[in-house]
Amino acid sequence: MHTTISAKLINITAAVLTGAALLFGSGAAHANQILARVSLSQQTMEVLVDGRPTFAWKVSTGGRGYVTPTGSFKPTRMHEMWYSKKYDNAPMPHSVFFSGGYAVHATYAIKNLGRPASHGCVRLHPDNAADFYQLVEAFGPANTSIVIVK
């Protein structure tokens, strides 16, 4: 299944880049931009590529006693595999860090997606986290915004 999703992602990325170049030319202000909008109340993440809704995924954010920061962020670092230094070396595949130790990353607790369950990070299904990671790699962290709203 992941191969199909990745192939779709490559096709979408190529189509968006080509379409953006044709529509806006190389100097477009909004061309080649990713916006990941996380809704804490809905426990969803919508990904827009050049303003076009491209993906919508269930997430898990901060559970009881934990906070997911709100605001607008840029990715600060990325790791294909990271292990939490704070939470017992918990695996954090396809981590896109956006504020200190907070990241968008994969979770193996997929049954919890759609409800708060993390220590504050934004958790995604492993396939979706891999796709998001590849998108950020392709477009670049400087062209990516992560906006978290209540």
Protein backbone atom coordinates (compact mmCIF):
# COMPACT_ATOMS: atom_id res chain seq x y z
CA MET A 1 0.00 0.00 0.00
CA HIS A 2 2.81 2.44 0.84
CA THR A 3 4.33 1.99 -2.61
CA THR A 4 1.05 3.11 -4.16
CA ILE A 5 0.84 6.12 -1.85
CA SER A 6 4.46 7.09 -2.58
CA ALA A 7 3.90 6.73 -6.32
CA LYS A 8 0.83 8.96 -5.95
CA LEU A 9 2.90 11.46 -3.98
CA ILE A 10 5.56 11.58 -6.70
CA ASN A 11 2.90 12.13 -9.35
CA ILE A 12 1.20 14.84 -7.27
CA THR A 13 4.51 16.56 -6.56
CA ALA A 14 5.52 16.50 -10.23
CA ALA A 15 2.09 17.73 -11.33
CA VAL A 16 2.04 20.52 -8.76
CA LEU A 17 5.54 21.69 -9.65
CA THR A 18 4.71 21.64 -13.36
CA GLY A 19 1.35 23.31 -12.82
CA ALA A 20 2.83 25.97 -10.56
CA ALA A 21 5.53 26.76 -13.11
CA LEU A 22 2.95 27.04 -15.88
CA LEU A 23 0.43 29.08 -13.90
CA PHE A 24 2.70 31.34 -11.92
CA GLY A 25 6.13 31.27 -13.53
CA SER A 26 9.27 30.95 -11.47
CA GLY A 27 8.74 34.10 -9.36
CA ALA A 28 5.35 33.20 -7.90
CA ALA A 29 4.89 34.09 -4.25
CA HIS A 30 2.78 31.00 -3.49
CA ALA A 31 4.37 28.47 -5.83
CA ASN A 32 6.03 25.43 -4.31
CA GLN A 33 4.56 25.93 -0.84
CA ILE A 34 3.27 23.34 1.62
CA LEU A 35 0.81 24.25 4.37
CA ALA A 36 0.07 21.61 6.97
CA ARG A 37 -2.92 22.74 9.05
CA VAL A 38 -3.49 20.75 12.24
CA SER A 39 -6.82 21.11 14.05
CA LEU A 40 -6.61 20.11 17.70
CA SER A 41 -10.40 20.07 18.10
CA GLN A 42 -10.92 17.87 15.02
CA GLN A 43 -7.71 15.83 15.42
CA THR A 44 -6.96 16.20 11.71
CA MET A 45 -4.15 17.46 9.52
CA GLU A 46 -4.93 18.94 6.12
CA VAL A 47 -2.03 19.38 3.73
CA LEU A 48 -2.31 22.02 1.02
CA VAL A 49 0.22 22.14 -1.78
CA ASP A 50 0.31 25.54 -3.47
CA GLY A 51 -3.04 26.30 -1.87
CA ARG A 52 -4.72 23.14 -3.16
CA PRO A 53 -6.05 20.59 -0.64
CA THR A 54 -3.95 17.49 -1.28
CA PHE A 55 -4.18 15.28 1.82
CA ALA A 56 -6.42 15.04 4.90
CA TRP A 57 -5.34 12.72 7.69
CA LYS A 58 -6.35 11.79 11.24
CA VAL A 59 -3.81 12.72 13.90
CA SER A 60 -3.24 12.34 17.61
CA THR A 61 -2.04 15.37 19.52
CA GLY A 62 -1.44 16.07 23.22
CA GLY A 63 -3.42 13.79 25.49
CA ARG A 64 -4.57 14.54 29.02
CA GLY A 65 -1.84 16.43 30.88
CA TYR A 66 0.13 17.23 27.71
CA VAL A 67 0.01 20.22 25.37
CA THR A 68 0.53 20.54 21.65
CA PRO A 69 1.69 24.09 20.95
CA THR A 70 -0.52 26.26 18.74
CA GLY A 71 0.75 28.77 16.23
CA SER A 72 2.59 28.89 12.93
CA PHE A 73 5.88 27.06 12.62
CA LYS A 74 8.58 26.14 10.11
CA PRO A 75 10.33 22.77 10.23
CA THR A 76 13.60 23.13 12.14
CA ARG A 77 15.07 19.67 11.51
CA MET A 78 14.12 16.30 10.06
CA HIS A 79 15.08 12.73 10.92
CA GLU A 80 14.07 9.62 9.04
CA MET A 81 14.23 7.83 12.42
CA TRP A 82 14.48 9.55 15.78
CA TYR A 83 14.23 8.17 19.29
CA SER A 84 12.77 10.38 21.99
CA LYS A 85 15.33 11.47 24.55
CA LYS A 86 12.52 12.43 26.92
CA TYR A 87 10.13 9.45 26.66
CA ASP A 88 12.07 6.18 27.04
CA ASN A 89 13.64 6.19 23.57
CA ALA A 90 10.18 5.95 21.99
CA PRO A 91 10.54 5.62 18.20
CA MET A 92 9.54 8.66 16.15
CA PRO A 93 9.82 7.61 12.49
CA HIS A 94 9.77 10.31 9.80
CA SER A 95 10.08 13.17 12.28
CA VAL A 96 9.63 16.74 11.12
CA PHE A 97 10.49 18.87 14.16
CA PHE A 98 8.85 22.28 14.32
CA SER A 99 9.34 23.63 17.87
CA GLY A 100 11.96 22.35 20.29
CA GLY A 101 11.19 18.68 20.90
CA TYR A 102 7.78 18.81 19.15
CA ALA A 103 7.45 17.06 15.82
CA VAL A 104 5.06 15.67 13.27
CA HIS A 105 5.95 11.97 13.16
CA ALA A 106 4.67 8.44 12.64
CA THR A 107 3.07 6.37 15.36
CA TYR A 108 2.49 2.65 15.64
CA ALA A 109 -0.51 3.32 17.92
CA ILE A 110 -2.76 3.83 14.92
CA LYS A 111 -5.87 2.86 16.89
CA ASN A 112 -5.49 6.18 18.77
CA LEU A 113 -5.49 8.35 15.64
CA GLY A 114 -8.40 10.76 15.66
CA ARG A 115 -8.17 11.47 19.39
CA PRO A 116 -5.63 13.14 21.72
CA ALA A 117 -3.05 10.59 22.84
CA SER A 118 0.48 11.98 22.42
CA HIS A 119 2.93 13.72 24.73
CA GLY A 120 2.40 16.83 22.59
CA CYS A 121 3.70 15.80 19.17
CA VAL A 122 1.47 15.47 16.12
CA ARG A 123 1.24 11.75 15.38
CA LEU A 124 0.33 10.34 11.96
CA HIS A 125 -0.22 6.92 10.43
CA PRO A 126 3.21 5.61 9.32
CA ASP A 127 2.29 5.82 5.60
CA ASN A 128 1.06 9.39 5.99
CA ALA A 129 4.10 10.45 8.02
CA ALA A 130 6.39 9.02 5.32
CA ASP A 131 4.47 10.92 2.66
CA PHE A 132 4.59 14.18 4.63
CA TYR A 133 8.32 13.72 5.28
CA GLN A 134 8.93 13.18 1.54
CA LEU A 135 6.87 16.26 0.68
CA VAL A 136 8.86 18.43 3.08
CA GLU A 137 12.10 16.98 1.69
CA ALA A 138 10.98 17.69 -1.90
CA PHE A 139 9.70 21.25 -1.31
CA GLY A 140 12.13 22.15 1.47
CA PRO A 141 11.56 23.18 5.09
CA ALA A 142 11.73 26.87 4.12
CA ASN A 143 8.72 26.32 1.84
CA THR A 144 6.74 24.44 4.48
CA SER A 145 4.45 25.89 7.16
CA ILE A 146 2.92 23.91 9.99
CA VAL A 147 -0.05 25.74 11.48
CA ILE A 148 -1.67 24.31 14.61
CA VAL A 149 -5.03 25.69 15.65
CA LYS A 150 -7.43 24.86 18.46
